[in-house]
Amino acid sequence: MTPLFDRAELADDVVEGAVRLLGAVLEADTPDGTVAVRLVEVEAYRGADDPAAHSYRGRTARNAVMFGPPGHLYVYFVYGMHFCANISCLPDGEPAAVLLRAGEVVSDLGVARVRRPTARRDADLAKGPARLASLLGLRREHNGLDVIDPTSPVRLRVGTPADPATVRSGPRVGVTAAHTTPWRFWIDGNPAVSPYRPGRGAPVFGGRAG
């Protein structure tokens, strides 16, 4: 079993934290068994200076988890249909979170298929934020969970870090404000990454957006 993710890796900068999350493994205890995905696509949102972030207009009951401490799940319902999951970043009191956009299953595929029987391919099991949350069973009751706590039913573990040469960045998806901000990061060539591409991604070197 790999160690839990280092909380300090999420505390200094949300963009750096987003890139560091690529390759990390998020595992959840579900009624069907433990399901784990290696994160292959994420999207960063930061505080009061980011009009696309839920925290842009200040703290509310809904977005409180974004205000820290780092390493906690921020789960919200969207379009009246789906849940999406984020992980909080930055020190306590500074709002930021990374949306978990896609992952590749690294646990028992049989269990994953039971949970997502409509997926046509294994690569589709957690392709997109709603599918990822559904596969892991992440719902409103998981909001605020500490994923760095070994006793948590949802845990973030060190995985196989993405090769910096394969990491790309591009505009964020599904937002009307600051949609050109290149804070979506993905592992190039991974079949579990969401298909939408607003443009060719720019390389990321050494964990910093190029």
N, C-alpha and C. Protein backbone atom coordinates (compact mmCIF):
# COMPACT_ATOMS: atom_id res chain seq x y z
N MET A 1 0.85 -1.19 0.00
CA MET A 1 0.00 0.00 0.00
C MET A 1 0.88 1.25 0.00
N THR A 2 0.59 2.15 -0.89
CA THR A 2 1.40 3.36 -0.99
C THR A 2 1.03 4.34 0.11
N PRO A 3 1.95 5.24 0.49
CA PRO A 3 1.66 6.20 1.56
C PRO A 3 0.63 7.23 1.13
N LEU A 4 0.07 7.89 2.14
CA LEU A 4 -0.86 8.97 1.87
C LEU A 4 -0.12 10.16 1.27
N PHE A 5 -0.84 10.94 0.50
CA PHE A 5 -0.29 12.13 -0.14
C PHE A 5 0.17 13.11 0.94
N ASP A 6 1.21 13.86 0.65
CA ASP A 6 1.74 14.84 1.58
C ASP A 6 0.89 16.11 1.53
N ARG A 7 0.28 16.47 2.66
CA ARG A 7 -0.58 17.65 2.69
C ARG A 7 0.18 18.91 2.29
N ALA A 8 1.46 18.96 2.62
CA ALA A 8 2.26 20.14 2.28
C ALA A 8 2.34 20.37 0.77
N GLU A 9 2.17 19.31 -0.01
CA GLU A 9 2.21 19.44 -1.47
C GLU A 9 1.01 20.22 -2.01
N LEU A 10 0.00 20.42 -1.17
CA LEU A 10 -1.20 21.13 -1.59
C LEU A 10 -1.31 22.52 -0.97
N ALA A 11 -0.34 22.87 -0.12
CA ALA A 11 -0.51 24.06 0.71
C ALA A 11 0.09 25.34 0.13
N ASP A 12 1.04 25.23 -0.80
CA ASP A 12 1.75 26.45 -1.18
C ASP A 12 1.16 27.18 -2.38
N ASP A 13 0.58 26.45 -3.35
CA ASP A 13 0.06 27.10 -4.56
C ASP A 13 -0.92 26.14 -5.22
N VAL A 14 -2.09 26.63 -5.63
CA VAL A 14 -3.10 25.73 -6.18
C VAL A 14 -2.71 25.19 -7.56
N VAL A 15 -2.02 26.01 -8.36
CA VAL A 15 -1.58 25.52 -9.67
C VAL A 15 -0.52 24.44 -9.52
N GLU A 16 0.45 24.69 -8.65
CA GLU A 16 1.45 23.66 -8.35
C GLU A 16 0.78 22.41 -7.79
N GLY A 17 -0.17 22.63 -6.88
CA GLY A 17 -0.87 21.50 -6.29
C GLY A 17 -1.62 20.69 -7.32
N ALA A 18 -2.24 21.35 -8.28
CA ALA A 18 -2.98 20.65 -9.33
C ALA A 18 -2.05 19.74 -10.13
N VAL A 19 -0.90 20.27 -10.51
CA VAL A 19 0.06 19.47 -11.28
C VAL A 19 0.57 18.29 -10.45
N ARG A 20 0.81 18.53 -9.17
CA ARG A 20 1.30 17.46 -8.30
C ARG A 20 0.27 16.35 -8.12
N LEU A 21 -1.02 16.69 -8.25
CA LEU A 21 -2.06 15.69 -8.10
C LEU A 21 -2.12 14.73 -9.28
N LEU A 22 -1.60 15.13 -10.42
CA LEU A 22 -1.59 14.22 -11.57
C LEU A 22 -0.73 12.99 -11.23
N GLY A 23 -1.33 11.84 -11.31
CA GLY A 23 -0.64 10.60 -10.96
C GLY A 23 -0.95 10.12 -9.56
N ALA A 24 -1.50 10.99 -8.70
CA ALA A 24 -1.90 10.57 -7.36
C ALA A 24 -3.12 9.65 -7.46
N VAL A 25 -3.35 8.86 -6.44
CA VAL A 25 -4.43 7.88 -6.43
C VAL A 25 -5.47 8.26 -5.38
N LEU A 26 -6.72 8.39 -5.83
CA LEU A 26 -7.82 8.63 -4.91
C LEU A 26 -8.61 7.32 -4.79
N GLU A 27 -8.73 6.83 -3.56
CA GLU A 27 -9.45 5.58 -3.34
C GLU A 27 -10.62 5.82 -2.39
N ALA A 28 -11.71 5.09 -2.62
CA ALA A 28 -12.92 5.25 -1.81
C ALA A 28 -13.49 3.90 -1.45
N ASP A 29 -13.94 3.78 -0.22
CA ASP A 29 -14.64 2.59 0.22
C ASP A 29 -16.11 2.72 -0.17
N THR A 30 -16.58 1.84 -1.04
CA THR A 30 -17.96 1.89 -1.52
C THR A 30 -18.69 0.61 -1.08
N PRO A 31 -20.01 0.56 -1.20
CA PRO A 31 -20.74 -0.66 -0.85
C PRO A 31 -20.32 -1.88 -1.66
N ASP A 32 -19.71 -1.65 -2.83
CA ASP A 32 -19.29 -2.75 -3.70
C ASP A 32 -17.83 -3.14 -3.48
N GLY A 33 -17.12 -2.38 -2.66
CA GLY A 33 -15.69 -2.62 -2.43
C GLY A 33 -14.91 -1.34 -2.65
N THR A 34 -13.63 -1.41 -2.40
CA THR A 34 -12.77 -0.24 -2.58
C THR A 34 -12.50 -0.01 -4.06
N VAL A 35 -12.65 1.23 -4.49
CA VAL A 35 -12.38 1.62 -5.87
C VAL A 35 -11.32 2.72 -5.83
N ALA A 36 -10.33 2.63 -6.71
CA ALA A 36 -9.25 3.61 -6.74
C ALA A 36 -8.98 4.05 -8.17
N VAL A 37 -8.71 5.34 -8.33
CA VAL A 37 -8.37 5.88 -9.64
C VAL A 37 -7.08 6.69 -9.53
N ARG A 38 -6.27 6.60 -10.56
CA ARG A 38 -5.09 7.46 -10.69
C ARG A 38 -5.53 8.71 -11.44
N LEU A 39 -5.32 9.86 -10.85
CA LEU A 39 -5.79 11.11 -11.45
C LEU A 39 -4.99 11.46 -12.70
N VAL A 40 -5.70 11.71 -13.80
CA VAL A 40 -5.04 12.02 -15.06
C VAL A 40 -5.46 13.36 -15.65
N GLU A 41 -6.45 14.01 -15.02
CA GLU A 41 -6.87 15.33 -15.48
C GLU A 41 -7.47 16.10 -14.30
N VAL A 42 -7.02 17.33 -14.12
CA VAL A 42 -7.48 18.16 -13.00
C VAL A 42 -7.63 19.60 -13.47
N GLU A 43 -8.23 20.43 -12.61
CA GLU A 43 -8.47 21.82 -12.98
C GLU A 43 -8.40 22.68 -11.72
N ALA A 44 -7.62 23.73 -11.75
CA ALA A 44 -7.38 24.56 -10.56
C ALA A 44 -8.29 25.78 -10.52
N TYR A 45 -8.73 26.12 -9.30
CA TYR A 45 -9.53 27.31 -9.05
C TYR A 45 -9.02 27.99 -7.79
N ARG A 46 -8.85 29.30 -7.84
CA ARG A 46 -8.21 30.00 -6.72
C ARG A 46 -8.96 31.26 -6.32
N GLY A 47 -9.49 31.25 -5.12
CA GLY A 47 -9.89 32.39 -4.33
C GLY A 47 -10.56 33.58 -4.95
N ALA A 48 -10.39 34.71 -4.29
CA ALA A 48 -11.09 35.93 -4.64
C ALA A 48 -10.60 36.59 -5.91
N ASP A 49 -9.47 36.16 -6.45
CA ASP A 49 -8.96 36.75 -7.69
C ASP A 49 -9.29 35.91 -8.91
N ASP A 50 -10.13 34.89 -8.75
CA ASP A 50 -10.48 33.99 -9.84
C ASP A 50 -12.00 33.99 -10.00
N PRO A 51 -12.54 34.73 -10.98
CA PRO A 51 -13.99 34.84 -11.13
C PRO A 51 -14.68 33.54 -11.49
N ALA A 52 -13.92 32.50 -11.87
CA ALA A 52 -14.53 31.21 -12.16
C ALA A 52 -14.65 30.33 -10.92
N ALA A 53 -14.02 30.73 -9.82
CA ALA A 53 -14.02 29.93 -8.60
C ALA A 53 -15.29 30.16 -7.80
N HIS A 54 -15.80 29.11 -7.16
CA HIS A 54 -16.98 29.24 -6.31
C HIS A 54 -16.74 30.20 -5.15
N SER A 55 -15.49 30.39 -4.79
CA SER A 55 -15.15 31.24 -3.66
C SER A 55 -14.96 32.71 -4.04
N TYR A 56 -15.20 33.05 -5.28
CA TYR A 56 -14.89 34.40 -5.78
C TYR A 56 -15.63 35.49 -5.01
N ARG A 57 -16.86 35.23 -4.64
CA ARG A 57 -17.66 36.25 -3.95
C ARG A 57 -17.66 36.08 -2.43
N GLY A 58 -16.77 35.26 -1.93
CA GLY A 58 -16.66 35.11 -0.49
C GLY A 58 -17.15 33.78 0.03
N ARG A 59 -16.98 33.60 1.30
CA ARG A 59 -17.29 32.33 1.96
C ARG A 59 -18.79 32.16 2.17
N THR A 60 -19.28 30.97 1.87
CA THR A 60 -20.68 30.61 2.10
C THR A 60 -20.70 29.21 2.72
N ALA A 61 -21.88 28.77 3.12
CA ALA A 61 -22.01 27.41 3.65
C ALA A 61 -21.62 26.38 2.58
N ARG A 62 -21.92 26.69 1.32
CA ARG A 62 -21.64 25.73 0.25
C ARG A 62 -20.14 25.58 -0.01
N ASN A 63 -19.42 26.71 -0.05
CA ASN A 63 -18.02 26.65 -0.48
C ASN A 63 -17.02 26.68 0.67
N ALA A 64 -17.48 26.53 1.91
CA ALA A 64 -16.61 26.68 3.08
C ALA A 64 -15.37 25.80 3.03
N VAL A 65 -15.48 24.61 2.46
CA VAL A 65 -14.33 23.69 2.42
C VAL A 65 -13.20 24.28 1.59
N MET A 66 -13.51 25.10 0.60
CA MET A 66 -12.48 25.71 -0.23
C MET A 66 -11.55 26.61 0.58
N PHE A 67 -12.01 27.06 1.74
CA PHE A 67 -11.22 27.97 2.56
C PHE A 67 -10.27 27.23 3.51
N GLY A 68 -10.12 25.95 3.31
CA GLY A 68 -9.12 25.17 4.01
C GLY A 68 -9.62 24.52 5.28
N PRO A 69 -8.71 23.74 5.85
CA PRO A 69 -7.31 23.50 5.46
C PRO A 69 -7.20 22.64 4.21
N PRO A 70 -5.97 22.50 3.66
CA PRO A 70 -5.80 21.72 2.43
C PRO A 70 -6.01 20.24 2.67
N GLY A 71 -6.35 19.53 1.58
CA GLY A 71 -6.47 18.08 1.66
C GLY A 71 -7.86 17.59 2.03
N HIS A 72 -8.88 18.43 1.83
CA HIS A 72 -10.26 18.03 2.15
C HIS A 72 -11.10 18.01 0.89
N LEU A 73 -12.10 17.13 0.88
CA LEU A 73 -12.98 17.02 -0.27
C LEU A 73 -13.99 18.17 -0.28
N TYR A 74 -14.12 18.80 -1.43
CA TYR A 74 -15.19 19.77 -1.67
C TYR A 74 -16.08 19.15 -2.74
N VAL A 75 -17.27 18.71 -2.32
CA VAL A 75 -18.20 18.02 -3.23
C VAL A 75 -19.44 18.89 -3.40
N TYR A 76 -19.83 19.09 -4.64
CA TYR A 76 -21.02 19.90 -4.90
C TYR A 76 -21.85 19.28 -6.02
N PHE A 77 -23.14 19.65 -6.05
CA PHE A 77 -24.10 19.15 -7.03
C PHE A 77 -24.19 20.17 -8.15
N VAL A 78 -24.21 19.72 -9.39
CA VAL A 78 -24.19 20.63 -10.53
C VAL A 78 -25.24 20.22 -11.55
N TYR A 79 -25.86 21.21 -12.20
CA TYR A 79 -26.87 21.01 -13.25
C TYR A 79 -28.06 20.20 -12.75
N GLY A 80 -28.25 20.09 -11.44
CA GLY A 80 -29.35 19.31 -10.90
C GLY A 80 -29.26 17.83 -11.22
N MET A 81 -28.03 17.36 -11.58
CA MET A 81 -27.87 15.98 -12.05
C MET A 81 -26.68 15.26 -11.44
N HIS A 82 -25.53 15.93 -11.30
CA HIS A 82 -24.28 15.25 -11.00
C HIS A 82 -23.57 15.87 -9.80
N PHE A 83 -22.75 15.04 -9.16
CA PHE A 83 -21.82 15.53 -8.16
C PHE A 83 -20.44 15.68 -8.80
N CYS A 84 -19.70 16.66 -8.34
CA CYS A 84 -18.31 16.84 -8.75
C CYS A 84 -17.46 16.93 -7.48
N ALA A 85 -16.23 16.45 -7.56
CA ALA A 85 -15.37 16.42 -6.39
C ALA A 85 -14.10 17.23 -6.63
N ASN A 86 -13.70 17.96 -5.61
CA ASN A 86 -12.49 18.77 -5.61
C ASN A 86 -11.69 18.44 -4.36
N ILE A 87 -10.43 18.85 -4.37
CA ILE A 87 -9.58 18.76 -3.18
C ILE A 87 -9.09 20.16 -2.85
N SER A 88 -9.29 20.58 -1.60
CA SER A 88 -8.90 21.92 -1.18
C SER A 88 -7.38 22.07 -1.16
N CYS A 89 -6.93 23.29 -1.46
CA CYS A 89 -5.51 23.62 -1.47
C CYS A 89 -5.29 24.93 -0.71
N LEU A 90 -4.04 25.31 -0.58
CA LEU A 90 -3.59 26.53 0.10
C LEU A 90 -3.80 26.43 1.62
N PRO A 91 -3.11 27.28 2.38
CA PRO A 91 -3.23 27.24 3.84
C PRO A 91 -4.64 27.56 4.30
N ASP A 92 -4.95 27.18 5.52
CA ASP A 92 -6.26 27.42 6.10
C ASP A 92 -6.61 28.91 6.02
N GLY A 93 -7.78 29.20 5.47
CA GLY A 93 -8.24 30.58 5.33
C GLY A 93 -8.06 31.16 3.95
N GLU A 94 -7.27 30.51 3.09
CA GLU A 94 -7.06 30.97 1.73
C GLU A 94 -7.80 30.04 0.77
N PRO A 95 -8.85 30.51 0.10
CA PRO A 95 -9.70 29.62 -0.68
C PRO A 95 -9.11 29.17 -2.01
N ALA A 96 -9.11 27.87 -2.21
CA ALA A 96 -8.67 27.29 -3.48
C ALA A 96 -9.03 25.81 -3.48
N ALA A 97 -9.23 25.28 -4.67
CA ALA A 97 -9.51 23.85 -4.79
C ALA A 97 -9.15 23.39 -6.19
N VAL A 98 -8.93 22.09 -6.31
CA VAL A 98 -8.62 21.47 -7.60
C VAL A 98 -9.75 20.50 -7.94
N LEU A 99 -10.41 20.76 -9.06
CA LEU A 99 -11.46 19.87 -9.55
C LEU A 99 -10.83 18.61 -10.12
N LEU A 100 -11.36 17.46 -9.73
CA LEU A 100 -10.86 16.17 -10.21
C LEU A 100 -11.65 15.81 -11.46
N ARG A 101 -11.03 16.00 -12.62
CA ARG A 101 -11.75 15.86 -13.88
C ARG A 101 -11.78 14.44 -14.44
N ALA A 102 -10.73 13.66 -14.24
CA ALA A 102 -10.72 12.32 -14.81
C ALA A 102 -9.67 11.46 -14.14
N GLY A 103 -9.90 10.14 -14.17
CA GLY A 103 -8.94 9.20 -13.60
C GLY A 103 -9.00 7.86 -14.32
N GLU A 104 -7.93 7.10 -14.19
CA GLU A 104 -7.90 5.74 -14.71
C GLU A 104 -7.98 4.78 -13.55
N VAL A 105 -8.79 3.75 -13.68
CA VAL A 105 -8.99 2.80 -12.59
C VAL A 105 -7.74 1.98 -12.36
N VAL A 106 -7.30 1.92 -11.11
CA VAL A 106 -6.10 1.14 -10.77
C VAL A 106 -6.45 0.09 -9.70
N SER A 107 -7.73 -0.10 -9.44
CA SER A 107 -8.20 -1.14 -8.52
C SER A 107 -8.90 -2.23 -9.33
N ASP A 108 -9.62 -3.10 -8.68
CA ASP A 108 -10.32 -4.21 -9.33
C ASP A 108 -11.31 -3.68 -10.37
N LEU A 109 -11.06 -3.99 -11.63
CA LEU A 109 -11.93 -3.51 -12.69
C LEU A 109 -13.33 -4.11 -12.59
N GLY A 110 -13.43 -5.33 -12.06
CA GLY A 110 -14.75 -5.95 -11.90
C GLY A 110 -15.64 -5.13 -10.99
N VAL A 111 -15.08 -4.65 -9.88
CA VAL A 111 -15.84 -3.80 -8.96
C VAL A 111 -16.21 -2.49 -9.64
N ALA A 112 -15.26 -1.91 -10.36
CA ALA A 112 -15.52 -0.64 -11.05
C ALA A 112 -16.63 -0.80 -12.09
N ARG A 113 -16.65 -1.89 -12.80
CA ARG A 113 -17.69 -2.10 -13.82
C ARG A 113 -19.06 -2.28 -13.19
N VAL A 114 -19.11 -2.91 -12.01
CA VAL A 114 -20.38 -3.02 -11.29
C VAL A 114 -20.91 -1.64 -10.95
N ARG A 115 -20.02 -0.74 -10.59
CA ARG A 115 -20.43 0.60 -10.19
C ARG A 115 -20.77 1.48 -11.39
N ARG A 116 -20.16 1.21 -12.53
CA ARG A 116 -20.43 2.02 -13.73
C ARG A 116 -20.73 1.08 -14.90
N PRO A 117 -21.87 0.37 -14.83
CA PRO A 117 -22.15 -0.66 -15.84
C PRO A 117 -22.40 -0.11 -17.24
N THR A 118 -22.70 1.18 -17.37
CA THR A 118 -22.97 1.74 -18.69
C THR A 118 -21.71 2.16 -19.43
N ALA A 119 -20.55 2.12 -18.76
CA ALA A 119 -19.30 2.51 -19.42
C ALA A 119 -18.97 1.52 -20.53
N ARG A 120 -18.69 2.02 -21.71
CA ARG A 120 -18.41 1.15 -22.86
C ARG A 120 -17.00 0.59 -22.82
N ARG A 121 -16.06 1.38 -22.27
CA ARG A 121 -14.67 0.95 -22.19
C ARG A 121 -14.15 1.21 -20.78
N ASP A 122 -13.09 0.51 -20.42
CA ASP A 122 -12.48 0.74 -19.12
C ASP A 122 -12.02 2.19 -18.98
N ALA A 123 -11.54 2.77 -20.08
CA ALA A 123 -11.06 4.15 -20.04
C ALA A 123 -12.17 5.15 -19.78
N ASP A 124 -13.44 4.72 -19.96
CA ASP A 124 -14.57 5.62 -19.77
C ASP A 124 -15.12 5.59 -18.34
N LEU A 125 -14.61 4.72 -17.50
CA LEU A 125 -15.19 4.53 -16.17
C LEU A 125 -15.15 5.80 -15.33
N ALA A 126 -14.09 6.58 -15.44
CA ALA A 126 -13.97 7.83 -14.66
C ALA A 126 -13.51 8.96 -15.57
N LYS A 127 -13.98 8.97 -16.80
CA LYS A 127 -13.61 10.02 -17.76
C LYS A 127 -14.60 11.16 -17.64
N GLY A 128 -14.20 12.22 -16.96
CA GLY A 128 -15.08 13.35 -16.70
C GLY A 128 -15.39 13.43 -15.22
N PRO A 129 -15.59 14.65 -14.70
CA PRO A 129 -15.76 14.82 -13.26
C PRO A 129 -17.00 14.14 -12.68
N ALA A 130 -18.11 14.12 -13.42
CA ALA A 130 -19.32 13.47 -12.92
C ALA A 130 -19.13 11.95 -12.86
N ARG A 131 -18.51 11.37 -13.87
CA ARG A 131 -18.27 9.93 -13.88
C ARG A 131 -17.30 9.53 -12.78
N LEU A 132 -16.27 10.34 -12.56
CA LEU A 132 -15.30 10.05 -11.51
C LEU A 132 -15.99 10.04 -10.15
N ALA A 133 -16.81 11.06 -9.88
CA ALA A 133 -17.51 11.11 -8.59
C ALA A 133 -18.48 9.96 -8.44
N SER A 134 -19.17 9.61 -9.52
CA SER A 134 -20.12 8.51 -9.48
C SER A 134 -19.42 7.18 -9.20
N LEU A 135 -18.32 6.94 -9.89
CA LEU A 135 -17.57 5.69 -9.71
C LEU A 135 -17.12 5.53 -8.26
N LEU A 136 -16.62 6.61 -7.66
CA LEU A 136 -16.12 6.57 -6.29
C LEU A 136 -17.22 6.75 -5.24
N GLY A 137 -18.44 6.99 -5.71
CA GLY A 137 -19.55 7.15 -4.79
C GLY A 137 -19.51 8.44 -4.00
N LEU A 138 -18.90 9.48 -4.55
CA LEU A 138 -18.74 10.74 -3.83
C LEU A 138 -20.00 11.57 -3.95
N ARG A 139 -20.59 11.87 -2.80
CA ARG A 139 -21.83 12.63 -2.75
C ARG A 139 -21.74 13.72 -1.69
N ARG A 140 -22.85 14.40 -1.49
CA ARG A 140 -22.85 15.54 -0.57
C ARG A 140 -22.35 15.17 0.83
N GLU A 141 -22.65 13.96 1.28
CA GLU A 141 -22.24 13.57 2.62
C GLU A 141 -20.73 13.42 2.77
N HIS A 142 -20.00 13.38 1.66
CA HIS A 142 -18.55 13.28 1.70
C HIS A 142 -17.88 14.66 1.72
N ASN A 143 -18.66 15.71 1.56
CA ASN A 143 -18.11 17.05 1.58
C ASN A 143 -17.40 17.31 2.91
N GLY A 144 -16.16 17.77 2.83
CA GLY A 144 -15.39 18.09 4.03
C GLY A 144 -14.50 16.98 4.53
N LEU A 145 -14.59 15.78 3.96
CA LEU A 145 -13.74 14.68 4.41
C LEU A 145 -12.26 15.01 4.22
N ASP A 146 -11.46 14.62 5.18
CA ASP A 146 -10.01 14.79 5.10
C ASP A 146 -9.43 13.58 4.39
N VAL A 147 -8.98 13.75 3.16
CA VAL A 147 -8.49 12.62 2.37
C VAL A 147 -7.04 12.26 2.70
N ILE A 148 -6.42 13.00 3.62
CA ILE A 148 -5.08 12.67 4.08
C ILE A 148 -5.14 11.91 5.41
N ASP A 149 -6.31 11.70 5.93
CA ASP A 149 -6.53 10.96 7.17
C ASP A 149 -6.63 9.47 6.84
N PRO A 150 -5.78 8.61 7.42
CA PRO A 150 -5.82 7.19 7.09
C PRO A 150 -7.12 6.50 7.48
N THR A 151 -7.90 7.10 8.39
CA THR A 151 -9.17 6.50 8.80
C THR A 151 -10.35 6.96 7.95
N SER A 152 -10.10 7.89 7.01
CA SER A 152 -11.17 8.41 6.18
C SER A 152 -11.65 7.35 5.18
N PRO A 153 -12.94 7.33 4.84
CA PRO A 153 -13.44 6.39 3.83
C PRO A 153 -13.01 6.76 2.41
N VAL A 154 -12.45 7.95 2.25
CA VAL A 154 -11.89 8.38 0.96
C VAL A 154 -10.48 8.88 1.24
N ARG A 155 -9.50 8.32 0.53
CA ARG A 155 -8.11 8.63 0.84
C ARG A 155 -7.33 8.97 -0.42
N LEU A 156 -6.42 9.92 -0.27
CA LEU A 156 -5.55 10.33 -1.37
C LEU A 156 -4.16 9.77 -1.11
N ARG A 157 -3.67 8.97 -2.05
CA ARG A 157 -2.39 8.31 -1.88
C ARG A 157 -1.40 8.72 -2.96
N VAL A 158 -0.14 8.58 -2.64
CA VAL A 158 0.92 8.78 -3.62
C VAL A 158 0.76 7.71 -4.70
N GLY A 159 0.82 8.10 -5.93
CA GLY A 159 0.72 7.15 -7.03
C GLY A 159 1.99 7.16 -7.85
N THR A 160 1.83 6.98 -9.15
CA THR A 160 2.94 7.11 -10.08
C THR A 160 2.91 8.51 -10.66
N PRO A 161 3.81 9.39 -10.23
CA PRO A 161 3.76 10.78 -10.70
C PRO A 161 3.83 10.88 -12.22
N ALA A 162 3.13 11.86 -12.74
CA ALA A 162 3.16 12.07 -14.19
C ALA A 162 4.55 12.53 -14.62
N ASP A 163 5.00 12.01 -15.74
CA ASP A 163 6.25 12.48 -16.34
C ASP A 163 6.02 13.93 -16.78
N PRO A 164 6.81 14.90 -16.28
CA PRO A 164 6.59 16.30 -16.65
C PRO A 164 6.52 16.54 -18.16
N ALA A 165 7.22 15.71 -18.94
CA ALA A 165 7.20 15.89 -20.39
C ALA A 165 5.84 15.55 -21.00
N THR A 166 4.99 14.84 -20.25
CA THR A 166 3.68 14.43 -20.79
C THR A 166 2.54 15.29 -20.27
N VAL A 167 2.82 16.22 -19.36
CA VAL A 167 1.77 17.04 -18.77
C VAL A 167 1.48 18.23 -19.69
N ARG A 168 0.20 18.47 -19.93
CA ARG A 168 -0.23 19.59 -20.76
C ARG A 168 -1.17 20.49 -19.96
N SER A 169 -1.29 21.73 -20.39
CA SER A 169 -2.22 22.66 -19.77
C SER A 169 -3.04 23.33 -20.85
N GLY A 170 -4.24 23.74 -20.47
CA GLY A 170 -5.12 24.43 -21.41
C GLY A 170 -6.25 25.11 -20.69
N PRO A 171 -7.13 25.80 -21.43
CA PRO A 171 -8.25 26.50 -20.82
C PRO A 171 -9.17 25.56 -20.05
N ARG A 172 -9.84 26.12 -19.06
CA ARG A 172 -10.76 25.34 -18.25
C ARG A 172 -12.05 25.07 -19.01
N VAL A 173 -12.81 24.10 -18.52
CA VAL A 173 -14.00 23.61 -19.23
C VAL A 173 -15.26 23.99 -18.46
N GLY A 174 -16.29 24.40 -19.19
CA GLY A 174 -17.60 24.58 -18.59
C GLY A 174 -17.78 25.80 -17.72
N VAL A 175 -16.89 26.79 -17.85
CA VAL A 175 -17.05 28.04 -17.09
C VAL A 175 -17.18 29.19 -18.07
N THR A 176 -17.92 30.22 -17.68
CA THR A 176 -18.09 31.37 -18.56
C THR A 176 -17.11 32.49 -18.22
N ALA A 177 -16.68 32.56 -16.95
CA ALA A 177 -15.71 33.57 -16.54
C ALA A 177 -14.32 32.96 -16.53
N ALA A 178 -13.35 33.73 -16.98
CA ALA A 178 -11.94 33.30 -16.98
C ALA A 178 -11.76 31.93 -17.61
N HIS A 179 -12.54 31.66 -18.67
CA HIS A 179 -12.48 30.34 -19.27
C HIS A 179 -11.20 30.11 -20.06
N THR A 180 -10.47 31.17 -20.40
CA THR A 180 -9.22 30.99 -21.13
C THR A 180 -8.02 30.77 -20.20
N THR A 181 -8.22 30.91 -18.90
CA THR A 181 -7.13 30.68 -17.97
C THR A 181 -6.64 29.24 -18.10
N PRO A 182 -5.36 29.01 -18.40
CA PRO A 182 -4.87 27.65 -18.72
C PRO A 182 -4.57 26.82 -17.47
N TRP A 183 -5.58 26.64 -16.63
CA TRP A 183 -5.39 25.92 -15.38
C TRP A 183 -6.02 24.54 -15.39
N ARG A 184 -6.28 24.02 -16.57
CA ARG A 184 -6.65 22.60 -16.69
C ARG A 184 -5.38 21.85 -17.07
N PHE A 185 -5.10 20.78 -16.36
CA PHE A 185 -3.87 20.02 -16.58
C PHE A 185 -4.22 18.55 -16.80
N TRP A 186 -3.52 17.92 -17.74
CA TRP A 186 -3.80 16.52 -18.03
C TRP A 186 -2.54 15.81 -18.49
N ILE A 187 -2.59 14.49 -18.44
CA ILE A 187 -1.49 13.64 -18.91
C ILE A 187 -1.75 13.32 -20.37
N ASP A 188 -0.91 13.85 -21.22
CA ASP A 188 -1.10 13.71 -22.67
C ASP A 188 -1.08 12.25 -23.08
N GLY A 189 -2.05 11.88 -23.92
CA GLY A 189 -2.10 10.53 -24.46
C GLY A 189 -2.81 9.53 -23.59
N ASN A 190 -3.21 9.89 -22.38
CA ASN A 190 -3.92 8.94 -21.53
C ASN A 190 -5.37 8.82 -22.00
N PRO A 191 -5.85 7.61 -22.25
CA PRO A 191 -7.19 7.45 -22.82
C PRO A 191 -8.33 7.84 -21.88
N ALA A 192 -8.04 8.00 -20.59
CA ALA A 192 -9.10 8.37 -19.64
C ALA A 192 -9.32 9.88 -19.56
N VAL A 193 -8.47 10.67 -20.21
CA VAL A 193 -8.63 12.13 -20.19
C VAL A 193 -9.89 12.51 -20.97
N SER A 194 -10.60 13.53 -20.50
CA SER A 194 -11.81 13.99 -21.18
C SER A 194 -11.51 14.39 -22.61
N PRO A 195 -12.42 14.15 -23.55
CA PRO A 195 -12.13 14.39 -24.96
C PRO A 195 -12.10 15.85 -25.37
N TYR A 196 -12.72 16.75 -24.59
CA TYR A 196 -12.80 18.14 -25.01
C TYR A 196 -11.42 18.80 -25.02
N ARG A 197 -11.08 19.47 -26.12
CA ARG A 197 -9.83 20.19 -26.24
C ARG A 197 -10.10 21.56 -26.86
N PRO A 198 -10.07 22.65 -26.07
CA PRO A 198 -10.26 23.97 -26.66
C PRO A 198 -9.10 24.39 -27.54
N GLY A 199 -7.98 23.71 -27.42
CA GLY A 199 -6.80 24.03 -28.23
C GLY A 199 -5.68 23.11 -27.82
N ARG A 200 -4.62 23.12 -28.56
CA ARG A 200 -3.50 22.26 -28.24
C ARG A 200 -2.86 22.70 -26.93
N GLY A 201 -2.66 21.75 -26.03
CA GLY A 201 -2.11 22.07 -24.72
C GLY A 201 -0.66 22.50 -24.79
N ALA A 202 -0.28 23.31 -23.84
CA ALA A 202 1.11 23.73 -23.73
C ALA A 202 1.84 22.85 -22.74
N PRO A 203 3.10 22.49 -22.98
CA PRO A 203 3.83 21.63 -22.05
C PRO A 203 4.00 22.28 -20.68
N VAL A 204 4.11 21.45 -19.69
CA VAL A 204 4.39 21.89 -18.33
C VAL A 204 5.70 21.25 -17.90
N PHE A 205 6.64 22.04 -17.47
CA PHE A 205 7.96 21.52 -17.12
C PHE A 205 8.21 21.74 -15.63
N GLY A 206 8.70 20.68 -14.98
CA GLY A 206 9.07 20.78 -13.58
C GLY A 206 7.92 21.16 -12.67
N GLY A 207 6.67 20.84 -13.08
CA GLY A 207 5.52 21.15 -12.27
C GLY A 207 5.02 22.57 -12.39
N ARG A 208 5.58 23.34 -13.29
CA ARG A 208 5.13 24.73 -13.46
C ARG A 208 4.55 24.91 -14.86
N ALA A 209 3.45 25.65 -14.90
CA ALA A 209 2.81 25.86 -16.20
C ALA A 209 3.74 26.66 -17.10
N GLY A 210 3.88 26.19 -18.32
CA GLY A 210 4.72 26.88 -19.26
C GLY A 210 3.98 27.96 -20.02
